[in-house]
């Protein structure tokens, strides 16, 4: 499936659609996801909740607890959906990057996200 624009600098490619009528992510909802984060080179993985010793990640959607591109992409998803969210550097970690994960300044990012639960 082709990537579709979510907002300026953010695209989404659905890998596995959620079931018809599945609960949608809403602003302020507690959302639990599995994710794999990579630089847009497609080869440099910096985080995965699926790696040994890691667990799913929970955050409140649409309220700025995560980077903008992630928030914007997740707000278009439903429970059970697995999508690839790609973003430009300004929707990621911006000019400061994220040195702890070896993300350079203004790096484009891609996250494969699966919505596990929405509360």
Protein backbone atom coordinates (compact mmCIF):
# COMPACT_ATOMS: atom_id res chain seq x y z
CA UNK A 1 0.00 0.00 0.00
CA UNK A 2 1.28 3.48 -0.83
CA UNK A 3 2.12 6.06 1.81
CA UNK A 4 -0.56 8.68 2.38
CA UNK A 5 0.04 12.16 3.80
CA UNK A 6 -1.03 12.69 7.40
CA UNK A 7 0.26 16.27 7.75
CA UNK A 8 3.12 18.36 6.42
CA UNK A 9 6.17 16.16 6.97
CA UNK A 10 4.32 13.00 8.11
CA UNK A 11 3.16 10.04 6.00
CA UNK A 12 1.51 6.74 6.86
CA UNK A 13 1.58 3.38 5.12
CA UNK A 14 -0.89 0.82 6.50
CA UNK A 15 0.70 -2.63 6.83
CA UNK A 16 -2.19 -4.37 8.61
CA UNK A 17 -5.56 -2.63 8.89
CA UNK A 18 -7.51 -2.75 12.12
CA UNK A 19 -10.78 -4.65 12.17
CA UNK A 20 -13.88 -2.81 10.89
CA UNK A 21 -15.38 -0.83 13.76
CA UNK A 22 -12.16 -1.01 15.80
CA UNK A 23 -11.69 1.64 18.47
CA UNK A 24 -9.92 4.73 17.14
CA UNK A 25 -7.15 6.64 18.90
CA UNK A 26 -8.56 9.87 20.36
CA UNK A 27 -6.91 12.89 21.93
CA UNK A 28 -5.88 12.17 25.52
CA UNK A 29 -6.48 8.41 25.28
CA UNK A 30 -3.95 6.10 26.91
CA UNK A 31 -2.49 4.18 23.97
CA UNK A 32 -0.21 1.15 24.20
CA UNK A 33 1.93 0.40 21.16
CA UNK A 34 4.60 -1.94 19.95
CA UNK A 35 7.08 -0.07 17.81
CA UNK A 36 10.30 -0.26 15.89
CA UNK A 37 12.08 3.04 15.28
CA UNK A 38 14.59 3.56 12.47
CA UNK A 39 16.31 6.38 10.68
CA UNK A 40 14.79 6.84 7.23
CA UNK A 41 17.83 5.11 5.74
CA UNK A 42 15.87 1.97 6.66
CA UNK A 43 18.94 0.33 8.12
CA UNK A 44 19.65 2.10 11.40
CA UNK A 45 17.30 0.81 14.11
CA UNK A 46 17.44 2.83 17.32
CA UNK A 47 14.57 1.35 19.36
CA UNK A 48 12.25 -1.63 19.40
CA UNK A 49 9.71 -2.71 21.97
CA UNK A 50 9.90 -6.15 20.38
CA UNK A 51 13.55 -6.69 21.33
CA UNK A 52 14.33 -9.08 24.22
CA UNK A 53 13.80 -7.38 27.58
CA UNK A 54 11.64 -4.61 26.11
CA UNK A 55 7.88 -4.16 26.51
CA UNK A 56 5.08 -2.24 24.84
CA UNK A 57 5.10 1.55 25.33
CA UNK A 58 2.13 3.50 26.73
CA UNK A 59 1.49 7.24 26.29
CA UNK A 60 -1.40 9.71 26.13
CA UNK A 61 -2.14 10.48 22.47
CA UNK A 62 -2.41 13.91 20.94
CA UNK A 63 -1.18 15.87 23.96
CA UNK A 64 2.54 16.24 23.20
CA UNK A 65 3.95 13.42 25.34
CA UNK A 66 5.77 12.05 22.28
CA UNK A 67 7.37 13.63 19.21
CA UNK A 68 4.96 15.44 16.89
CA UNK A 69 5.16 13.03 13.97
CA UNK A 70 4.37 10.08 16.19
CA UNK A 71 1.41 11.89 17.78
CA UNK A 72 0.03 12.95 14.39
CA UNK A 73 0.41 9.48 12.90
CA UNK A 74 -1.09 7.66 15.89
CA UNK A 75 -4.13 9.96 15.85
CA UNK A 76 -5.07 8.40 12.48
CA UNK A 77 -4.88 4.79 13.70
CA UNK A 78 -7.25 2.21 15.23
CA UNK A 79 -6.72 -0.66 17.64
CA UNK A 80 -5.03 -3.62 15.94
CA UNK A 81 -3.66 -1.49 13.09
CA UNK A 82 0.01 -1.77 12.16
CA UNK A 83 1.38 1.10 10.11
CA UNK A 84 4.66 2.65 9.06
CA UNK A 85 4.81 6.33 10.06
CA UNK A 86 7.57 8.38 8.42
CA UNK A 87 8.45 11.94 9.32
CA UNK A 88 10.85 14.73 8.51
CA UNK A 89 13.35 15.85 11.13
CA UNK A 90 11.23 18.79 12.29
CA UNK A 91 8.44 16.34 13.26
CA UNK A 92 10.99 14.11 15.04
CA UNK A 93 13.74 15.22 17.40
CA UNK A 94 14.61 18.38 15.44
CA UNK A 95 17.95 20.19 15.60
CA UNK A 96 18.98 18.63 18.92
CA UNK A 97 18.54 15.02 17.71
CA UNK A 98 18.53 12.34 20.39
CA UNK A 99 22.17 11.48 21.16
CA UNK A 100 21.34 8.65 23.60
CA UNK A 101 19.81 6.72 20.69
CA UNK A 102 22.38 8.00 18.16
CA UNK A 103 19.74 10.01 16.27
CA UNK A 104 21.52 12.89 14.53
CA UNK A 105 20.11 16.43 14.38
CA UNK A 106 17.19 16.90 11.96
CA UNK A 107 17.10 13.18 11.08
CA UNK A 108 14.12 11.78 9.22
CA UNK A 109 12.53 8.92 11.16
CA UNK A 110 10.34 5.91 10.41
CA UNK A 111 8.35 4.04 13.06
CA UNK A 112 6.49 0.81 12.52
CA UNK A 113 3.67 1.10 15.05
CA UNK A 114 1.07 -1.41 16.16
CA UNK A 115 -1.80 -0.17 18.33
CA UNK A 116 -2.11 -2.84 21.03
CA UNK A 117 -4.74 -1.15 23.20
CA UNK A 118 -6.61 2.12 23.67
CA UNK A 119 -8.07 3.17 27.03
